[in-house]
Amino acid sequence: MRLQKVHRGHRFREKAILAIMRVMAGHAPGVVRTLFYRKEFFGGRFSELTQQVMRGPSPWSVGERETFAAFVSQLNQCVF
């Protein structure tokens, strides 16, 4: 369950991106809405961390890390 503000409290730029996602994919994933909401508090830092984990130095290839993420998302019944 997310706060209603996470669904409606975005700036114009983020609203436009979410609208494009809805048109292109039929929905905007909740994780994207959460990352856009109060970006300076959570979304920006979390996105940086995710980039480091998914693209930084690792014994696993980027493809393997993406496969792991997709598998975990499926287990969590996450459409993202």
Protein backbone atom coordinates (compact mmCIF):
# COMPACT_ATOMS: atom_id res chain seq x y z
CA MET A 1 0.00 0.00 0.00
CA ARG A 2 1.38 3.40 -1.02
CA LEU A 3 0.41 6.87 0.11
CA GLN A 4 -1.94 8.66 -2.28
CA LYS A 5 0.62 11.46 -2.47
CA VAL A 6 3.03 9.04 -4.20
CA HIS A 7 0.41 8.66 -6.94
CA ARG A 8 -0.40 12.36 -7.31
CA GLY A 9 2.42 14.41 -5.77
CA HIS A 10 4.77 14.65 -8.75
CA ARG A 11 6.23 17.66 -10.51
CA PHE A 12 5.26 18.47 -14.10
CA ARG A 13 8.26 16.69 -15.68
CA GLU A 14 7.62 13.46 -13.76
CA LYS A 15 3.89 13.66 -14.55
CA ALA A 16 4.72 13.90 -18.25
CA ILE A 17 7.05 10.88 -18.08
CA LEU A 18 4.44 8.85 -16.20
CA ALA A 19 1.81 9.81 -18.79
CA ILE A 20 4.08 8.65 -21.62
CA MET A 21 4.68 5.37 -19.78
CA ARG A 22 0.93 4.84 -19.43
CA VAL A 23 0.43 5.42 -23.16
CA MET A 24 3.35 3.21 -24.21
CA ALA A 25 3.02 0.38 -21.68
CA GLY A 26 -0.53 0.69 -20.38
CA HIS A 27 0.63 1.59 -16.87
CA ALA A 28 3.40 3.29 -14.93
CA PRO A 29 5.06 0.87 -12.49
CA GLY A 30 4.68 1.73 -8.83
CA VAL A 31 8.43 1.62 -8.29
CA VAL A 32 8.87 4.43 -10.81
CA ARG A 33 6.25 6.53 -9.03
CA THR A 34 8.04 5.94 -5.73
CA LEU A 35 11.44 6.89 -7.19
CA PHE A 36 9.99 10.10 -8.68
CA TYR A 37 8.28 11.17 -5.45
CA ARG A 38 10.61 13.32 -3.31
CA LYS A 39 13.59 12.44 -5.49
CA GLU A 40 15.96 14.49 -3.31
CA PHE A 41 15.03 12.42 -0.24
CA PHE A 42 14.88 8.86 -1.59
CA GLY A 43 14.63 8.40 -5.34
CA GLY A 44 17.89 10.04 -6.35
CA ARG A 45 20.03 8.18 -3.83
CA PHE A 46 18.30 4.87 -4.42
CA SER A 47 18.72 5.23 -8.20
CA GLU A 48 22.45 5.92 -7.75
CA LEU A 49 22.81 2.83 -5.56
CA THR A 50 20.92 0.71 -8.07
CA GLN A 51 23.20 1.89 -10.89
CA GLN A 52 26.28 0.98 -8.84
CA VAL A 53 24.92 -2.47 -8.05
CA MET A 54 23.67 -3.22 -11.57
CA ARG A 55 26.46 -1.60 -13.61
CA GLY A 56 29.48 -1.36 -11.29
CA PRO A 57 32.36 -3.81 -10.96
CA SER A 58 31.21 -7.37 -10.29
CA PRO A 59 32.16 -10.96 -11.05
CA TRP A 60 28.70 -11.22 -12.71
CA SER A 61 27.92 -9.74 -16.11
CA VAL A 62 25.28 -7.01 -16.51
CA GLY A 63 23.04 -9.59 -18.20
CA GLU A 64 23.36 -11.98 -15.26
CA ARG A 65 22.51 -9.22 -12.80
CA GLU A 66 19.48 -8.23 -14.88
CA THR A 67 18.37 -11.88 -14.93
CA PHE A 68 18.70 -12.08 -11.13
CA ALA A 69 16.65 -8.89 -10.75
CA ALA A 70 13.95 -10.16 -13.12
CA PHE A 71 13.78 -13.50 -11.28
CA VAL A 72 13.41 -11.81 -7.87
CA SER A 73 10.76 -9.45 -9.29
CA GLN A 74 8.83 -12.45 -10.59
CA LEU A 75 9.03 -14.17 -7.19
CA ASN A 76 7.69 -10.98 -5.61
CA GLN A 77 4.93 -10.82 -8.24
CA CYS A 78 6.23 -7.43 -9.34
CA VAL A 79 5.31 -6.42 -12.89
CA PHE A 80 8.42 -4.26 -13.08
